Amino acid sequence: MKLTGNTILITGGTSGIGLGFAEKFLELGNKVIICGRRVERLEQIIKNHPEMDALVCDVTDAVQRVELCDQVLAHSPKLNLLINNAGIQLMTDLTTPVDIEEVRSEIETNLTAPIHLASLFAGHLAAMAAEREAAIVNITSGLAFAPVSPMPVYCATKAAMHSLTMTLRHQLKTQAIKVFEIAPPAVDTDLGHEYRLDKSRSHGGIPITEFIDNAIQALEEDRLEAPIGMAADLRDKREKLFDLMNR
């Protein structure tokens, strides 16, 4: 895929992988729109990158997702790339009664929102595909293939996103919309930070810049399914590594 001159919407663009993609795509000469819940973070990012557009949206809210689509298409009618990146990662102990609102929030953010947004933008992207390349990029996880037991809901949503991406790719192939799956390994972001007992701890994993460089290369080479780094092992050796990871 050509990675210059695009108009791109990135959900969860205020930190981590989303912000990393936003800054890289901006550097490559694209129009970038990010959305997120945190107004102060969006304002700071726009202060640092005034050429970027930012919209407030809580993707767990279906009404706000529809409003996001309407706003983007009204102000950026050349949109040709949607990156479903927003995600949350919670620790969930299934041996005791769960906080069902937390479970719903995790599923809504990680799975329902990308399903809804893909459907909202599909018609527009199909029309854009007549002019230039159009694509949807779903950010999943190596944990889609080999889950870790303390985060069962997160891992299940990412496994569902892997399945969804395959079927979405099949449904949209006659529309000439490319559907990518980028599966990160552990990446050093603040994912799950608010739920860690030790707030000083890093998430660990590879640097964001290393991940972004590999992901950009995968998109440029049209690798529709691209597990990055250790995520490739998790895909190829899933049962063996599941046992090892969950000892």
C-alpha atoms as a PDB file:
ATOM      1  CA  MET A   1       0.000   0.000   0.000  1.00  0.00           C
ATOM      2  CA  LYS A   2       1.185   3.485  -0.750  1.00  0.00           C
ATOM      3  CA  LEU A   3       1.805   5.207   2.574  1.00  0.00           C
ATOM      4  CA  THR A   4       1.864   8.859   1.498  1.00  0.00           C
ATOM      5  CA  GLY A   5      -0.975  11.197   0.592  1.00  0.00           C
ATOM      6  CA  ASN A   6      -3.616   9.244   2.540  1.00  0.00           C
ATOM      7  CA  THR A   7      -6.308  10.559   4.855  1.00  0.00           C
ATOM      8  CA  ILE A   8      -6.249   8.380   7.969  1.00  0.00           C
ATOM      9  CA  LEU A   9      -8.457   7.996  11.050  1.00  0.00           C
ATOM     10  CA  ILE A  10      -6.789   6.353  14.057  1.00  0.00           C
ATOM     11  CA  THR A  11      -8.852   5.399  17.101  1.00  0.00           C
ATOM     12  CA  GLY A  12      -7.121   5.452  20.461  1.00  0.00           C
ATOM     13  CA  GLY A  13      -4.654   7.950  19.065  1.00  0.00           C
ATOM     14  CA  THR A  14      -3.702   9.745  22.276  1.00  0.00           C
ATOM     15  CA  SER A  15      -0.947   7.385  23.445  1.00  0.00           C
ATOM     16  CA  GLY A  16       1.037   4.241  22.756  1.00  0.00           C
ATOM     17  CA  ILE A  17       0.695   2.500  19.424  1.00  0.00           C
ATOM     18  CA  GLY A  18      -2.042   4.863  18.193  1.00  0.00           C
ATOM     19  CA  LEU A  19       0.033   7.970  18.776  1.00  0.00           C
ATOM     20  CA  GLY A  20       3.086   6.225  17.348  1.00  0.00           C
ATOM     21  CA  PHE A  21       1.193   5.497  14.126  1.00  0.00           C
ATOM     22  CA  ALA A  22      -0.193   9.049  14.011  1.00  0.00           C
ATOM     23  CA  GLU A  23       3.243  10.671  14.286  1.00  0.00           C
ATOM     24  CA  LYS A  24       4.796   8.285  11.754  1.00  0.00           C
ATOM     25  CA  PHE A  25       2.019   8.743   9.187  1.00  0.00           C
ATOM     26  CA  LEU A  26       2.247  12.503   9.644  1.00  0.00           C
ATOM     27  CA  GLU A  27       5.989  12.307   8.996  1.00  0.00           C
ATOM     28  CA  LEU A  28       5.301  10.321   5.802  1.00  0.00           C
ATOM     29  CA  GLY A  29       3.068  13.050   4.397  1.00  0.00           C
ATOM     30  CA  ASN A  30      -0.476  11.957   5.253  1.00  0.00           C
ATOM     31  CA  LYS A  31      -3.476  13.798   6.679  1.00  0.00           C
ATOM     32  CA  VAL A  32      -4.001  12.264  10.123  1.00  0.00           C
ATOM     33  CA  ILE A  33      -7.103  12.369  12.315  1.00  0.00           C
ATOM     34  CA  ILE A  34      -6.947  10.895  15.796  1.00  0.00           C
ATOM     35  CA  CYS A  35      -9.711  10.337  18.289  1.00  0.00           C
ATOM     36  CA  GLY A  36      -9.722   9.570  21.984  1.00  0.00           C
ATOM     37  CA  ARG A  37     -11.569  10.196  25.240  1.00  0.00           C
ATOM     38  CA  ARG A  38      -9.017  12.411  26.979  1.00  0.00           C
ATOM     39  CA  VAL A  39      -9.586  16.028  25.950  1.00  0.00           C
ATOM     40  CA  GLU A  40      -6.418  17.289  27.640  1.00  0.00           C
ATOM     41  CA  ARG A  41      -4.293  14.700  25.820  1.00  0.00           C
ATOM     42  CA  LEU A  42      -5.853  15.587  22.473  1.00  0.00           C
ATOM     43  CA  GLU A  43      -5.224  19.292  23.096  1.00  0.00           C
ATOM     44  CA  GLN A  44      -1.572  18.633  23.971  1.00  0.00           C
ATOM     45  CA  ILE A  45      -1.037  16.488  20.880  1.00  0.00           C
ATOM     46  CA  ILE A  46      -2.547  19.157  18.612  1.00  0.00           C
ATOM     47  CA  LYS A  47      -0.329  21.745  20.290  1.00  0.00           C
ATOM     48  CA  ASN A  48       2.691  19.585  19.398  1.00  0.00           C
ATOM     49  CA  HIS A  49       1.338  18.665  15.939  1.00  0.00           C
ATOM     50  CA  PRO A  50      -0.954  21.485  14.739  1.00  0.00           C
ATOM     51  CA  GLU A  51      -1.264  19.863  11.307  1.00  0.00           C
ATOM     52  CA  MET A  52      -3.017  16.866  12.909  1.00  0.00           C
ATOM     53  CA  ASP A  53      -6.788  16.784  13.486  1.00  0.00           C
ATOM     54  CA  ALA A  54      -8.259  15.502  16.756  1.00  0.00           C
ATOM     55  CA  LEU A  55     -11.793  14.538  17.716  1.00  0.00           C
ATOM     56  CA  VAL A  56     -13.181  13.599  21.114  1.00  0.00           C
ATOM     57  CA  CYS A  57     -14.866  10.193  21.022  1.00  0.00           C
ATOM     58  CA  ASP A  58     -15.481   7.458  23.546  1.00  0.00           C
ATOM     59  CA  VAL A  59     -15.610   4.422  21.264  1.00  0.00           C
ATOM     60  CA  THR A  60     -17.560   2.445  23.884  1.00  0.00           C
ATOM     61  CA  ASP A  61     -20.558   4.656  23.072  1.00  0.00           C
ATOM     62  CA  ALA A  62     -22.414   3.642  19.903  1.00  0.00           C
ATOM     63  CA  VAL A  63     -23.938   7.106  19.464  1.00  0.00           C
ATOM     64  CA  GLN A  64     -20.497   8.707  19.632  1.00  0.00           C
ATOM     65  CA  ARG A  65     -19.198   6.220  17.054  1.00  0.00           C
ATOM     66  CA  VAL A  66     -21.917   7.306  14.605  1.00  0.00           C
ATOM     67  CA  GLU A  67     -21.167  10.967  15.360  1.00  0.00           C
ATOM     68  CA  LEU A  68     -17.457  10.311  14.787  1.00  0.00           C
ATOM     69  CA  CYS A  69     -18.169   8.841  11.366  1.00  0.00           C
ATOM     70  CA  ASP A  70     -20.400  11.784  10.439  1.00  0.00           C
ATOM     71  CA  GLN A  71     -17.818  14.351  11.615  1.00  0.00           C
ATOM     72  CA  VAL A  72     -14.923  12.699   9.825  1.00  0.00           C
ATOM     73  CA  LEU A  73     -16.727  12.315   6.517  1.00  0.00           C
ATOM     74  CA  ALA A  74     -18.083  15.867   6.684  1.00  0.00           C
ATOM     75  CA  HIS A  75     -14.672  17.447   7.254  1.00  0.00           C
ATOM     76  CA  SER A  76     -12.364  14.870   5.623  1.00  0.00           C
ATOM     77  CA  PRO A  77     -14.262  13.367   2.672  1.00  0.00           C
ATOM     78  CA  LYS A  78     -11.059  11.915   1.223  1.00  0.00           C
ATOM     79  CA  LEU A  79     -10.664   9.482   4.144  1.00  0.00           C
ATOM     80  CA  ASN A  80      -9.290   6.237   2.752  1.00  0.00           C
ATOM     81  CA  LEU A  81      -7.727   4.466   5.726  1.00  0.00           C
ATOM     82  CA  LEU A  82      -9.320   3.456   9.054  1.00  0.00           C
ATOM     83  CA  ILE A  83      -7.068   2.114  11.814  1.00  0.00           C
ATOM     84  CA  ASN A  84      -9.003   0.361  14.580  1.00  0.00           C
ATOM     85  CA  ASN A  85      -6.462   0.695  17.369  1.00  0.00           C
ATOM     86  CA  ALA A  86      -8.326   1.676  20.563  1.00  0.00           C
ATOM     87  CA  GLY A  87      -8.084  -1.012  23.223  1.00  0.00           C
ATOM     88  CA  ILE A  88      -8.050  -1.673  26.941  1.00  0.00           C
ATOM     89  CA  GLN A  89      -6.479  -4.534  28.840  1.00  0.00           C
ATOM     90  CA  LEU A  90      -7.861  -5.589  32.229  1.00  0.00           C
ATOM     91  CA  MET A  91      -6.939  -8.307  34.676  1.00  0.00           C
ATOM     92  CA  THR A  92      -9.939 -10.596  35.186  1.00  0.00           C
ATOM     93  CA  ASP A  93     -10.202 -13.418  37.723  1.00  0.00           C
ATOM     94  CA  LEU A  94     -12.880 -15.796  36.482  1.00  0.00           C
ATOM     95  CA  THR A  95     -12.774 -17.882  39.667  1.00  0.00           C
ATOM     96  CA  THR A  96     -14.833 -15.202  41.445  1.00  0.00           C
ATOM     97  CA  PRO A  97     -17.816 -13.102  40.292  1.00  0.00           C
ATOM     98  CA  VAL A  98     -16.582 -10.577  37.751  1.00  0.00           C
ATOM     99  CA  ASP A  99     -17.304  -6.867  37.509  1.00  0.00           C
ATOM    100  CA  ILE A 100     -19.658  -7.178  34.546  1.00  0.00           C
ATOM    101  CA  GLU A 101     -19.359  -3.484  33.650  1.00  0.00           C
ATOM    102  CA  GLU A 102     -15.597  -3.881  33.254  1.00  0.00           C
ATOM    103  CA  VAL A 103     -16.145  -6.940  31.072  1.00  0.00           C
ATOM    104  CA  ARG A 104     -18.649  -5.045  28.921  1.00  0.00           C
ATOM    105  CA  SER A 105     -16.296  -2.079  28.609  1.00  0.00           C
ATOM    106  CA  GLU A 106     -13.418  -4.287  27.481  1.00  0.00           C
ATOM    107  CA  ILE A 107     -15.543  -6.091  24.897  1.00  0.00           C
ATOM    108  CA  GLU A 108     -17.143  -2.852  23.673  1.00  0.00           C
ATOM    109  CA  THR A 109     -13.771  -1.136  23.233  1.00  0.00           C
ATOM    110  CA  ASN A 110     -11.782  -4.007  21.780  1.00  0.00           C
ATOM    111  CA  LEU A 111     -14.382  -5.777  19.638  1.00  0.00           C
ATOM    112  CA  THR A 112     -17.774  -4.092  19.280  1.00  0.00           C
ATOM    113  CA  ALA A 113     -16.353  -0.680  18.373  1.00  0.00           C
ATOM    114  CA  PRO A 114     -14.147  -1.973  15.520  1.00  0.00           C
ATOM    115  CA  ILE A 115     -17.067  -4.015  14.155  1.00  0.00           C
ATOM    116  CA  HIS A 116     -19.343  -0.977  14.219  1.00  0.00           C
ATOM    117  CA  LEU A 117     -16.776   1.463  12.830  1.00  0.00           C
ATOM    118  CA  ALA A 118     -15.805  -0.877   9.989  1.00  0.00           C
ATOM    119  CA  SER A 119     -19.465  -1.147   9.002  1.00  0.00           C
ATOM    120  CA  LEU A 120     -20.007   2.623   9.262  1.00  0.00           C
ATOM    121  CA  PHE A 121     -17.049   3.464   7.005  1.00  0.00           C
ATOM    122  CA  ALA A 122     -17.274   0.506   4.583  1.00  0.00           C
ATOM    123  CA  GLY A 123     -19.537   2.207   2.057  1.00  0.00           C
ATOM    124  CA  HIS A 124     -17.406   5.341   1.959  1.00  0.00           C
ATOM    125  CA  LEU A 125     -14.174   3.339   1.669  1.00  0.00           C
ATOM    126  CA  ALA A 126     -15.652   1.315  -1.194  1.00  0.00           C
ATOM    127  CA  ALA A 127     -16.394   4.552  -3.049  1.00  0.00           C
ATOM    128  CA  MET A 128     -12.896   5.856  -2.313  1.00  0.00           C
ATOM    129  CA  ALA A 129     -11.357   2.647  -3.668  1.00  0.00           C
ATOM    130  CA  ALA A 130     -12.361   3.772  -7.152  1.00  0.00           C
ATOM    131  CA  GLU A 131      -9.992   6.753  -6.784  1.00  0.00           C
ATOM    132  CA  ARG A 132      -7.119   5.359  -4.713  1.00  0.00           C
ATOM    133  CA  GLU A 133      -6.255   2.527  -2.339  1.00  0.00           C
ATOM    134  CA  ALA A 134      -8.612   2.152   0.609  1.00  0.00           C
ATOM    135  CA  ALA A 135      -8.043   0.004   3.662  1.00  0.00           C
ATOM    136  CA  ILE A 136      -9.037  -0.970   7.170  1.00  0.00           C
ATOM    137  CA  VAL A 137      -6.254  -1.875   9.603  1.00  0.00           C
ATOM    138  CA  ASN A 138      -7.183  -3.839  12.719  1.00  0.00           C
ATOM    139  CA  ILE A 139      -4.659  -3.891  15.546  1.00  0.00           C
ATOM    140  CA  THR A 140      -4.936  -7.246  17.304  1.00  0.00           C
ATOM    141  CA  SER A 141      -2.253  -8.934  19.439  1.00  0.00           C
ATOM    142  CA  GLY A 142       0.031 -11.928  19.604  1.00  0.00           C
ATOM    143  CA  LEU A 143      -2.240 -12.905  22.508  1.00  0.00           C
ATOM    144  CA  ALA A 144      -4.980 -13.559  19.951  1.00  0.00           C
ATOM    145  CA  PHE A 145      -3.143 -16.800  19.191  1.00  0.00           C
ATOM    146  CA  ALA A 146      -1.771 -17.822  22.607  1.00  0.00           C
ATOM    147  CA  PRO A 147      -3.631 -16.180  25.515  1.00  0.00           C
ATOM    148  CA  VAL A 148      -2.301 -15.470  28.994  1.00  0.00           C
ATOM    149  CA  SER A 149      -4.648 -16.521  31.758  1.00  0.00           C
ATOM    150  CA  PRO A 150      -4.701 -13.307  33.888  1.00  0.00           C
ATOM    151  CA  MET A 151      -6.262 -11.352  30.976  1.00  0.00           C
ATOM    152  CA  PRO A 152      -8.866 -13.756  29.558  1.00  0.00           C
ATOM    153  CA  VAL A 153     -11.306 -11.162  28.234  1.00  0.00           C
ATOM    154  CA  TYR A 154      -8.623  -9.081  26.526  1.00  0.00           C
ATOM    155  CA  CYS A 155      -7.146 -12.171  24.872  1.00  0.00           C
ATOM    156  CA  ALA A 156     -10.582 -13.403  23.811  1.00  0.00           C
ATOM    157  CA  THR A 157     -11.433 -10.053  22.208  1.00  0.00           C
ATOM    158  CA  LYS A 158      -8.172 -10.111  20.258  1.00  0.00           C
ATOM    159  CA  ALA A 159      -8.826 -13.682  19.098  1.00  0.00           C
ATOM    160  CA  ALA A 160     -12.256 -12.508  17.981  1.00  0.00           C
ATOM    161  CA  MET A 161     -10.654  -9.582  16.144  1.00  0.00           C
ATOM    162  CA  HIS A 162      -8.383 -12.011  14.297  1.00  0.00           C
ATOM    163  CA  SER A 163     -11.462 -13.964  13.195  1.00  0.00           C
ATOM    164  CA  LEU A 164     -13.345 -10.773  12.355  1.00  0.00           C
ATOM    165  CA  THR A 165     -10.494  -9.490  10.211  1.00  0.00           C
ATOM    166  CA  MET A 166     -10.475 -12.684   8.154  1.00  0.00           C
ATOM    167  CA  THR A 167     -14.227 -12.521   7.491  1.00  0.00           C
ATOM    168  CA  LEU A 168     -14.196  -8.761   6.899  1.00  0.00           C
ATOM    169  CA  ARG A 169     -11.411  -9.233   4.359  1.00  0.00           C
ATOM    170  CA  HIS A 170     -13.544 -11.845   2.589  1.00  0.00           C
ATOM    171  CA  GLN A 171     -16.704  -9.711   2.625  1.00  0.00           C
ATOM    172  CA  LEU A 172     -14.935  -6.589   1.349  1.00  0.00           C
ATOM    173  CA  LYS A 173     -12.771  -8.181  -1.338  1.00  0.00           C
ATOM    174  CA  THR A 174     -15.261  -7.333  -4.093  1.00  0.00           C
ATOM    175  CA  GLN A 175     -15.199  -3.703  -2.867  1.00  0.00           C
ATOM    176  CA  ALA A 176     -11.420  -3.451  -3.394  1.00  0.00           C
ATOM    177  CA  ILE A 177     -10.911  -2.520   0.269  1.00  0.00           C
ATOM    178  CA  LYS A 178      -7.766  -4.022   1.752  1.00  0.00           C
ATOM    179  CA  VAL A 179      -8.165  -5.369   5.282  1.00  0.00           C
ATOM    180  CA  PHE A 180      -4.983  -5.684   7.311  1.00  0.00           C
ATOM    181  CA  GLU A 181      -4.326  -7.328  10.644  1.00  0.00           C
ATOM    182  CA  ILE A 182      -1.298  -6.062  12.539  1.00  0.00           C
ATOM    183  CA  ALA A 183      -0.612  -8.239  15.600  1.00  0.00           C
ATOM    184  CA  PRO A 184       1.820  -6.599  18.026  1.00  0.00           C
ATOM    185  CA  PRO A 185       3.975  -8.485  20.481  1.00  0.00           C
ATOM    186  CA  ALA A 186       4.418  -6.909  23.922  1.00  0.00           C
ATOM    187  CA  VAL A 187       5.116  -3.240  23.148  1.00  0.00           C
ATOM    188  CA  ASP A 188       6.384  -0.758  25.731  1.00  0.00           C
ATOM    189  CA  THR A 189       3.248   1.374  26.122  1.00  0.00           C
ATOM    190  CA  ASP A 190       0.972   2.395  28.992  1.00  0.00           C
ATOM    191  CA  LEU A 191      -1.603  -0.280  28.090  1.00  0.00           C
ATOM    192  CA  GLY A 192      -3.162  -1.476  31.340  1.00  0.00           C
ATOM    193  CA  HIS A 193      -1.124   1.038  33.365  1.00  0.00           C
ATOM    194  CA  GLU A 194      -4.026   2.274  35.472  1.00  0.00           C
ATOM    195  CA  TYR A 195      -4.680  -1.260  36.710  1.00  0.00           C
ATOM    196  CA  ARG A 196      -1.109  -2.097  37.760  1.00  0.00           C
ATOM    197  CA  LEU A 197      -0.375  -2.279  41.466  1.00  0.00           C
ATOM    198  CA  ASP A 198       3.074  -0.767  40.835  1.00  0.00           C
ATOM    199  CA  LYS A 199       2.397   2.399  38.791  1.00  0.00           C
ATOM    200  CA  SER A 200       6.126   2.918  38.216  1.00  0.00           C
ATOM    201  CA  ARG A 201       6.391  -0.286  36.178  1.00  0.00           C
ATOM    202  CA  SER A 202       6.653  -0.175  32.417  1.00  0.00           C
ATOM    203  CA  HIS A 203       4.554  -2.512  30.302  1.00  0.00           C
ATOM    204  CA  GLY A 204       7.791  -3.922  28.935  1.00  0.00           C
ATOM    205  CA  GLY A 205       8.247  -5.269  25.427  1.00  0.00           C
ATOM    206  CA  ILE A 206       9.827  -3.775  22.338  1.00  0.00           C
ATOM    207  CA  PRO A 207      10.084   0.010  21.878  1.00  0.00           C
ATOM    208  CA  ILE A 208       7.125   1.645  20.129  1.00  0.00           C
ATOM    209  CA  THR A 209       9.378   2.972  17.359  1.00  0.00           C
ATOM    210  CA  GLU A 210      10.600  -0.548  16.561  1.00  0.00           C
ATOM    211  CA  PHE A 211       7.050  -1.862  16.394  1.00  0.00           C
ATOM    212  CA  ILE A 212       5.823   1.044  14.251  1.00  0.00           C
ATOM    213  CA  ASP A 213       8.696   0.641  11.778  1.00  0.00           C
ATOM    214  CA  ASN A 214       7.879  -3.064  11.374  1.00  0.00           C
ATOM    215  CA  ALA A 215       4.150  -2.397  11.047  1.00  0.00           C
ATOM    216  CA  ILE A 216       4.707   0.315   8.436  1.00  0.00           C
ATOM    217  CA  GLN A 217       6.875  -2.069   6.428  1.00  0.00           C
ATOM    218  CA  ALA A 218       4.129  -4.719   6.581  1.00  0.00           C
ATOM    219  CA  LEU A 219       1.543  -2.255   5.251  1.00  0.00           C
ATOM    220  CA  GLU A 220       3.876  -1.064   2.513  1.00  0.00           C
ATOM    221  CA  GLU A 221       4.489  -4.671   1.433  1.00  0.00           C
ATOM    222  CA  ASP A 222       0.748  -5.487   1.510  1.00  0.00           C
ATOM    223  CA  ARG A 223       1.167  -8.220   4.134  1.00  0.00           C
ATOM    224  CA  LEU A 224      -2.482  -8.505   5.064  1.00  0.00           C
ATOM    225  CA  GLU A 225      -1.758 -10.582   8.172  1.00  0.00           C
ATOM    226  CA  ALA A 226       1.342  -9.324   9.926  1.00  0.00           C
ATOM    227  CA  PRO A 227       2.300 -10.636  13.358  1.00  0.00           C
ATOM    228  CA  ILE A 228       5.286  -8.572  14.494  1.00  0.00           C
ATOM    229  CA  GLY A 229       8.272  -9.996  16.362  1.00  0.00           C
ATOM    230  CA  MET A 230       7.328 -12.487  19.083  1.00  0.00           C
ATOM    231  CA  ALA A 231       3.711 -12.383  17.900  1.00  0.00           C
ATOM    232  CA  ALA A 232       4.784 -14.523  14.922  1.00  0.00           C
ATOM    233  CA  ASP A 233       5.933 -17.254  17.306  1.00  0.00           C
ATOM    234  CA  LEU A 234       2.674 -16.982  19.243  1.00  0.00           C
ATOM    235  CA  ARG A 235       0.785 -17.579  16.013  1.00  0.00           C
ATOM    236  CA  ASP A 236       2.968 -20.427  14.732  1.00  0.00           C
ATOM    237  CA  LYS A 237       3.565 -22.241  18.030  1.00  0.00           C
ATOM    238  CA  ARG A 238       0.403 -21.324  19.873  1.00  0.00           C
ATOM    239  CA  GLU A 239      -0.328 -24.485  21.892  1.00  0.00           C
ATOM    240  CA  LYS A 240       3.275 -25.034  22.924  1.00  0.00           C
ATOM    241  CA  LEU A 241       3.748 -21.413  23.977  1.00  0.00           C
ATOM    242  CA  PHE A 242       0.401 -21.298  25.785  1.00  0.00           C
ATOM    243  CA  ASP A 243       1.605 -24.021  28.137  1.00  0.00           C
ATOM    244  CA  LEU A 244       4.926 -22.249  28.633  1.00  0.00           C
ATOM    245  CA  MET A 245       3.381 -18.809  29.242  1.00  0.00           C
ATOM    246  CA  ASN A 246       0.796 -20.064  31.710  1.00  0.00           C
ATOM    247  CA  ARG A 247       2.893 -22.280  33.949  1.00  0.00           C
END
